[in-house]
Every structure is written in structure tokens, then in C-alpha cells.
Protein backbone atom coordinates (compact mmCIF):
# COMPACT_ATOMS: atom_id res chain seq x y z
CA MET A 1 134.11 106.95 81.69
CA ASP A 2 137.32 108.00 82.79
CA ASN A 3 136.39 107.23 86.43
CA ARG A 4 133.39 109.76 86.62
CA LEU A 5 130.66 107.12 87.61
CA LYS A 6 130.94 105.53 90.67
CA ALA A 7 127.93 102.62 91.91
CA ASN A 8 127.93 100.53 94.61
CA LEU A 9 125.84 97.70 95.22
CA SER A 10 124.99 95.34 98.44
CA VAL A 11 122.98 93.01 98.81
CA PHE A 12 122.17 91.52 102.31
CA TYR A 13 120.49 88.26 104.49
CA ILE A 14 121.19 88.36 108.46
CA ASP A 15 120.14 85.02 110.18
CA ILE A 16 119.71 86.03 113.99
CA GLU A 17 119.17 83.07 116.56
CA ASP A 18 119.29 84.83 119.99
CA LYS A 19 118.48 88.51 119.24
CA GLN A 20 118.27 90.68 122.11
CA VAL A 21 116.31 93.79 121.97
CA THR A 22 115.92 96.88 124.41
CA GLU A 23 112.78 98.13 125.31
CA TYR A 24 111.41 100.68 127.87
CA VAL A 25 109.76 100.14 131.27
CA PRO A 26 106.15 101.53 130.73
CA GLY A 27 105.91 104.50 134.05
CA VAL A 28 109.32 103.84 134.65
CA MET A 29 111.52 107.57 133.35
CA GLY A 30 114.94 106.13 131.59
CA ALA A 31 114.52 102.15 132.90
CA ARG A 32 115.02 99.58 129.81
CA LYS A 33 115.01 96.41 129.78
CA ILE A 34 116.55 93.40 127.55
CA LYS A 35 114.68 90.95 125.81
CA ASN A 36 115.86 88.13 124.01
CA ALA A 37 114.11 87.62 120.86
CA ALA A 38 114.89 83.96 120.09
CA GLU A 39 115.12 84.11 116.38
CA ALA A 40 114.41 86.82 113.25
CA HIS A 41 116.12 87.57 109.88
CA SER A 42 116.89 90.89 108.45
CA GLN A 43 117.23 90.93 104.21
CA GLY A 44 117.87 93.80 101.94
CA VAL A 45 119.53 95.39 99.08
CA GLU A 46 121.26 99.06 98.97
CA LEU A 47 122.79 100.74 95.97
CA GLU A 48 124.39 103.97 95.85
CA VAL A 49 125.72 105.79 92.12
CA GLN A 50 127.64 109.47 91.88
CA ALA A 51 128.27 110.66 89.41
CA SER A 52 131.30 113.93 88.71
CA THR A 53 131.03 116.17 85.43
CA PRO A 54 133.91 117.82 84.17
CA ILE A 55 132.48 121.30 84.95
CA GLY A 56 132.39 120.62 88.60
CA LEU A 57 129.31 119.53 89.69
CA ASP A 58 128.91 115.66 91.55
CA LEU A 59 125.84 114.27 92.10
CA ILE A 60 124.97 111.32 94.51
CA ALA A 61 121.89 109.22 94.79
CA GLY A 62 121.21 106.34 97.38
CA VAL A 63 118.94 103.91 97.59
CA GLY A 64 117.99 101.26 100.14
CA TYR A 65 115.68 98.23 100.84
CA MET A 66 115.10 96.22 104.38
CA ASP A 67 112.93 93.38 105.57
CA THR A 68 112.89 92.39 108.97
CA GLU A 69 110.54 90.08 111.14
CA ILE A 70 110.68 88.24 113.84
CA ASP A 71 110.39 84.30 113.21
CA LYS A 72 110.24 83.09 116.61
CA TRP A 73 109.26 84.52 119.69
CA THR A 74 106.61 84.13 122.53
CA ALA A 75 107.55 85.92 125.59
CA THR A 76 105.54 86.04 129.48
CA GLU A 77 104.21 89.78 129.70
CA ALA A 78 103.36 90.65 133.19
CA ASP A 79 100.91 92.50 131.90
CA PHE A 80 99.53 90.64 129.80
CA GLY A 81 100.30 86.93 130.24
CA GLN A 82 101.64 84.97 126.56
CA TYR A 83 102.39 87.64 124.32
CA GLU A 84 103.27 86.83 120.42
CA TYR A 85 106.20 88.26 118.87
CA SER A 86 106.55 85.89 115.55
CA GLY A 87 105.65 87.75 112.84
CA LYS A 88 106.08 91.47 113.96
CA ASP A 89 108.74 93.75 112.42
CA LEU A 90 112.14 94.27 113.86
CA PRO A 91 112.19 97.94 116.02
CA ASN A 92 114.51 100.82 114.31
CA ALA A 93 114.32 99.88 111.29
CA PRO A 94 113.12 101.32 108.47
CA GLU A 95 111.84 99.53 105.37
CA TYR A 96 113.69 101.75 103.12
CA THR A 97 115.63 104.83 102.45
CA TYR A 98 116.73 107.13 100.19
CA ASN A 99 119.58 110.37 99.25
CA LEU A 100 119.62 112.57 96.97
CA GLY A 101 122.07 115.48 96.15
CA ALA A 102 124.13 117.72 94.34
CA GLN A 103 126.88 119.15 94.71
CA TYR A 104 129.03 122.10 92.89
CA ARG A 105 132.30 122.99 93.52
CA MET A 106 134.53 125.85 91.83
CA ALA A 107 137.94 125.64 91.05
CA CYS A 108 138.67 128.74 92.97
CA GLY A 109 137.02 127.67 96.42
CA PHE A 110 134.02 127.94 96.00
CA PHE A 111 131.31 125.22 96.96
CA GLY A 112 127.12 125.00 97.42
CA ARG A 113 125.83 121.51 98.51
CA VAL A 114 122.11 120.39 98.81
CA ASP A 115 120.91 117.15 100.07
CA LEU A 116 117.56 115.15 100.81
CA LEU A 117 117.67 112.20 103.15
CA GLY A 118 114.45 110.33 103.01
CA VAL A 119 113.42 107.63 106.20
CA GLY A 120 110.40 105.08 106.03
CA ASP A 121 107.49 103.67 107.84
CA PHE A 122 109.84 102.38 111.40
CA TYR A 123 108.67 101.23 114.65
CA PHE A 124 109.66 102.06 117.66
CA ASP A 125 108.78 98.78 120.06
CA THR A 126 108.68 95.23 119.37
CA LYS A 127 105.12 95.16 119.82
CA ASN A 128 104.54 97.31 116.73
CA ASP A 129 102.22 99.55 118.03
CA ILE A 130 104.62 103.09 118.15
CA LYS A 131 105.33 103.92 114.61
CA GLN A 132 107.12 106.66 112.95
CA SER A 133 105.89 108.00 109.36
CA ALA A 134 107.64 108.62 106.73
CA TYR A 135 109.94 111.80 106.88
CA GLN A 136 112.55 113.64 104.78
CA LEU A 137 115.08 115.99 105.57
CA VAL A 138 116.68 118.96 103.09
CA ASN A 139 120.02 120.56 104.01
CA LEU A 140 122.48 122.69 102.53
CA ARG A 141 126.38 124.32 102.55
CA ILE A 142 127.91 126.95 100.91
CA GLY A 143 131.32 127.69 101.56
CA TYR A 144 134.58 128.56 100.86
CA GLU A 145 137.60 126.10 100.90
CA SER A 146 141.47 127.47 100.74
CA ARG A 147 144.52 125.62 101.90
CA HIS A 148 145.05 126.96 105.34
CA TYR A 149 141.25 127.70 105.93
CA ASP A 150 137.45 126.74 105.38
CA ILE A 151 134.53 128.94 106.16
CA ILE A 152 131.21 126.97 105.87
CA LEU A 153 127.58 128.37 106.48
CA TRP A 154 125.27 125.03 106.53
CA ALA A 155 121.43 124.51 107.93
CA LYS A 156 119.84 121.62 108.73
CA ASN A 157 116.30 120.73 108.39
CA VAL A 158 115.89 123.44 106.31
CA PHE A 159 111.77 122.94 106.53
CA ASP A 160 111.49 121.93 109.83
CA GLU A 161 110.15 118.79 109.48
CA LYS A 162 108.79 117.37 112.57
CA TYR A 163 109.84 113.93 113.20
CA ALA A 164 110.88 111.57 116.44
CA LYS A 165 114.49 110.40 117.50
CA ARG A 166 112.55 108.06 120.11
CA LYS A 167 108.93 107.27 121.17
CA VAL A 168 108.19 104.78 124.54
CA ASP A 169 104.67 103.76 125.87
CA TRP A 170 104.30 105.54 129.02
CA GLY A 171 101.24 104.20 130.82
CA GLY A 172 99.28 104.03 127.72
CA ASP A 173 100.63 107.40 126.45
CA GLN A 174 103.22 107.50 124.11
CA LEU A 175 106.63 109.89 125.46
CA GLY A 176 109.03 110.71 122.40
CA GLN A 177 111.96 112.18 121.66
CA ASP A 178 111.40 115.43 118.94
CA GLY A 179 113.97 114.81 116.19
CA ASP A 180 116.43 118.15 115.44
CA PRO A 181 114.53 121.20 114.43
CA ARG A 182 115.45 123.19 111.96
CA MET A 183 119.44 124.63 112.37
CA PHE A 184 121.59 126.89 111.03
CA GLY A 185 125.33 127.62 111.86
CA VAL A 186 128.86 128.69 110.16
CA LYS A 187 131.80 126.69 110.68
CA ALA A 188 135.33 128.25 110.40
CA THR A 189 138.53 126.09 110.71
CA TYR A 190 142.33 127.44 109.82
CA ARG A 191 144.80 124.42 109.45
CA PHE A 192 148.81 125.63 109.87
């Protein structure tokens, strides 16, 4: 197809011994501890496809699937005694991610782009008690690019999707850091 279609496929399996995980200490602002999670594994697949058309339209799509699991780990917890982590998901590892994008570029330098980014459910902690539900973000860019200068208008999280970047147990409550809200901006570049 005259190099107008590109595809990348990755398949992986990672067998982890002496996995270290970082967790926040409940009720102590900013304090973290590193634990040795013994044995775990991660496996998955990622597919990315990009198609370019003769009229300046590029289409991009990608999808990833990942399965993670703690295989063997029994830990002594100060507040619970022995706790069995085996069978739990590794933290901060969504089961799936995806992206869809379209970009139109004119020969005179004007362009526009829209991207949809999706993230599946995942846990913030090794006990799998603190969960982030699936969410989607839409980003936009429109602008003009030339040999010497660019001017680009951009918007991130156009629909102001609510999600968390981080959550921790805070003495029975959850303390979190919100994801980036809707943002707009202008980027200007001059090359000399």
C-alpha cells in the first residue's frame, strides 16, 4: 500500500521474582514503604495501526490488554497479622488501554487532530481495595506549522472527565490526587 499502512504487534510475558511494591502508610502524610511482593507475573498484548491517506488524513488506533497477578506473597501486617496477597492484581496496571486518533494536515501548513484515550479499571493498592474505574479522555489540537514558526491551539480532557492519578487509604477514608481537569492553551514556536 505504498507504506500508507503501518501495524505493530507486541506480545509479552514477564515472570517476576522479588517484586517490590511501594505503598503509602495509612494516616502518615507522604510516608511510603517498600514491600517485597515475592512472585508475580504480567502478560499481555498490544496492537497499534496507523493509516495515511493521499489527502492528508492520518488515522491512528491502538489497543492493549494486560493481565497481572501476584502469584505468591504472604505478608505480616501490623494491623491485621498475616495477609495473603496471592491472586491479587498488581497496582496501577489497567486491564486494557486504547487510543483512537485522526489528524488532517493540509499542504499549506494548517492541521487539526483529535485523540480519544481510554483506560480500564485498575487498583491503586496491592490489597485491591482502592479502585479507579475506567475513564476516557478527549484531546484536541488545531494549528499552523511552517518552516520557521508554529502556532497551535490545544485542549486536553475536553469533556472534563473526573478521574484520579493516585488514591491512598487514609485511616479508613481515601485521600486522592485528581487527574488533570479540562485545560486549554496556545503554543507558539519560532525557529531560527
